[in-house]
Amino acid sequence: MIIILAMTRRDELAEQIRLTRDGELYHEHDSITDHIGTIATLRAKKIAAGVGYGRPPNLMPAEVPYLDALETATAALLVGWGLTE
């Protein structure tokens, strides 16, 4: 998945920055970090909007606990409202 590749590249850049103190690499590192953050935010919103519609096939392993927690919280809320048992 492209996100994992971007995270790998970001980590490689961070290591190069630590070893060489090359300021030129900061721009690329920061740009990748910003893009990953934007993608993560959009994915989190999409996952939240999909609660109750089943598990999407393209979930990343780190997203599974997030979806599970949202589904558990949603179920508890519905019980609290008296809409389900």
Protein backbone atom coordinates (compact mmCIF):
# COMPACT_ATOMS: atom_id res chain seq x y z
CA MET A 1 0.00 0.00 0.00
CA ILE A 2 1.23 3.48 -0.84
CA ILE A 3 0.91 4.71 2.75
CA ILE A 4 3.33 2.06 3.98
CA LEU A 5 5.77 2.95 1.21
CA ALA A 6 5.54 6.64 2.14
CA MET A 7 6.08 5.85 5.82
CA THR A 8 9.10 3.73 4.92
CA ARG A 9 10.57 6.54 2.81
CA ARG A 10 9.90 9.06 5.61
CA ASP A 11 11.71 6.81 8.09
CA GLU A 12 14.65 6.41 5.69
CA LEU A 13 14.87 10.19 5.32
CA ALA A 14 14.75 10.65 9.09
CA GLU A 15 17.67 8.27 9.46
CA GLN A 16 19.63 10.07 6.72
CA ILE A 17 18.92 13.40 8.41
CA ARG A 18 20.16 12.05 11.75
CA LEU A 19 23.34 10.68 10.19
CA THR A 20 24.23 13.51 7.82
CA ARG A 21 22.42 16.57 9.24
CA ASP A 22 21.57 17.35 5.61
CA GLY A 23 19.07 20.20 5.70
CA GLU A 24 18.03 19.55 2.11
CA LEU A 25 16.25 16.37 3.22
CA TYR A 26 14.03 18.14 5.74
CA HIS A 27 11.72 19.48 3.03
CA GLU A 28 11.03 16.05 1.57
CA HIS A 29 10.62 14.52 5.05
CA ASP A 30 8.18 17.24 6.14
CA SER A 31 6.24 17.02 2.90
CA ILE A 32 5.80 13.25 3.19
CA THR A 33 4.82 13.59 6.88
CA ASP A 34 2.22 16.21 5.99
CA HIS A 35 0.75 14.08 3.21
CA ILE A 36 0.59 11.01 5.44
CA GLY A 37 -1.24 13.09 8.06
CA THR A 38 -3.77 14.28 5.49
CA ILE A 39 -4.38 10.76 4.20
CA ALA A 40 -4.69 9.39 7.74
CA THR A 41 -7.24 12.05 8.66
CA LEU A 42 -9.31 11.34 5.56
CA ARG A 43 -9.17 7.58 6.18
CA ALA A 44 -10.19 8.03 9.82
CA LYS A 45 -13.22 10.07 8.76
CA LYS A 46 -14.13 7.51 6.09
CA ILE A 47 -13.86 4.65 8.59
CA ALA A 48 -16.02 6.53 11.10
CA ALA A 49 -18.65 7.25 8.44
CA GLY A 50 -18.75 3.56 7.53
CA VAL A 51 -19.53 2.24 11.02
CA GLY A 52 -22.39 -0.22 10.75
CA TYR A 53 -21.73 -1.13 7.14
CA GLY A 54 -19.25 -3.95 7.74
CA ARG A 55 -15.49 -4.11 7.65
CA PRO A 56 -13.92 -2.56 4.56
CA PRO A 57 -11.54 -4.95 2.78
CA ASN A 58 -8.74 -2.38 2.55
CA LEU A 59 -8.25 -1.65 6.26
CA MET A 60 -4.66 -1.37 7.36
CA PRO A 61 -3.75 -3.35 10.48
CA ALA A 62 -3.45 -0.15 12.53
CA GLU A 63 -7.00 0.85 11.53
CA VAL A 64 -8.68 -2.34 12.76
CA PRO A 65 -8.64 -1.40 16.49
CA TYR A 66 -9.99 2.05 15.57
CA LEU A 67 -12.94 0.57 13.70
CA ASP A 68 -13.57 -1.98 16.45
CA ALA A 69 -13.58 0.78 19.09
CA LEU A 70 -15.97 2.91 17.03
CA GLU A 71 -18.33 -0.02 16.52
CA THR A 72 -18.25 -0.85 20.25
CA ALA A 73 -18.87 2.77 21.21
CA THR A 74 -21.70 3.09 18.69
CA ALA A 75 -23.35 -0.10 19.98
CA ALA A 76 -23.08 1.16 23.58
CA LEU A 77 -24.60 4.50 22.57
CA LEU A 78 -27.54 2.81 20.86
CA VAL A 79 -28.15 0.74 24.00
CA GLY A 80 -27.90 3.89 26.11
CA TRP A 81 -30.50 5.57 23.95
CA GLY A 82 -32.73 2.53 24.31
CA LEU A 83 -32.68 1.82 20.59
CA THR A 84 -31.18 -1.67 20.94
CA GLU A 85 -30.61 -4.16 23.73
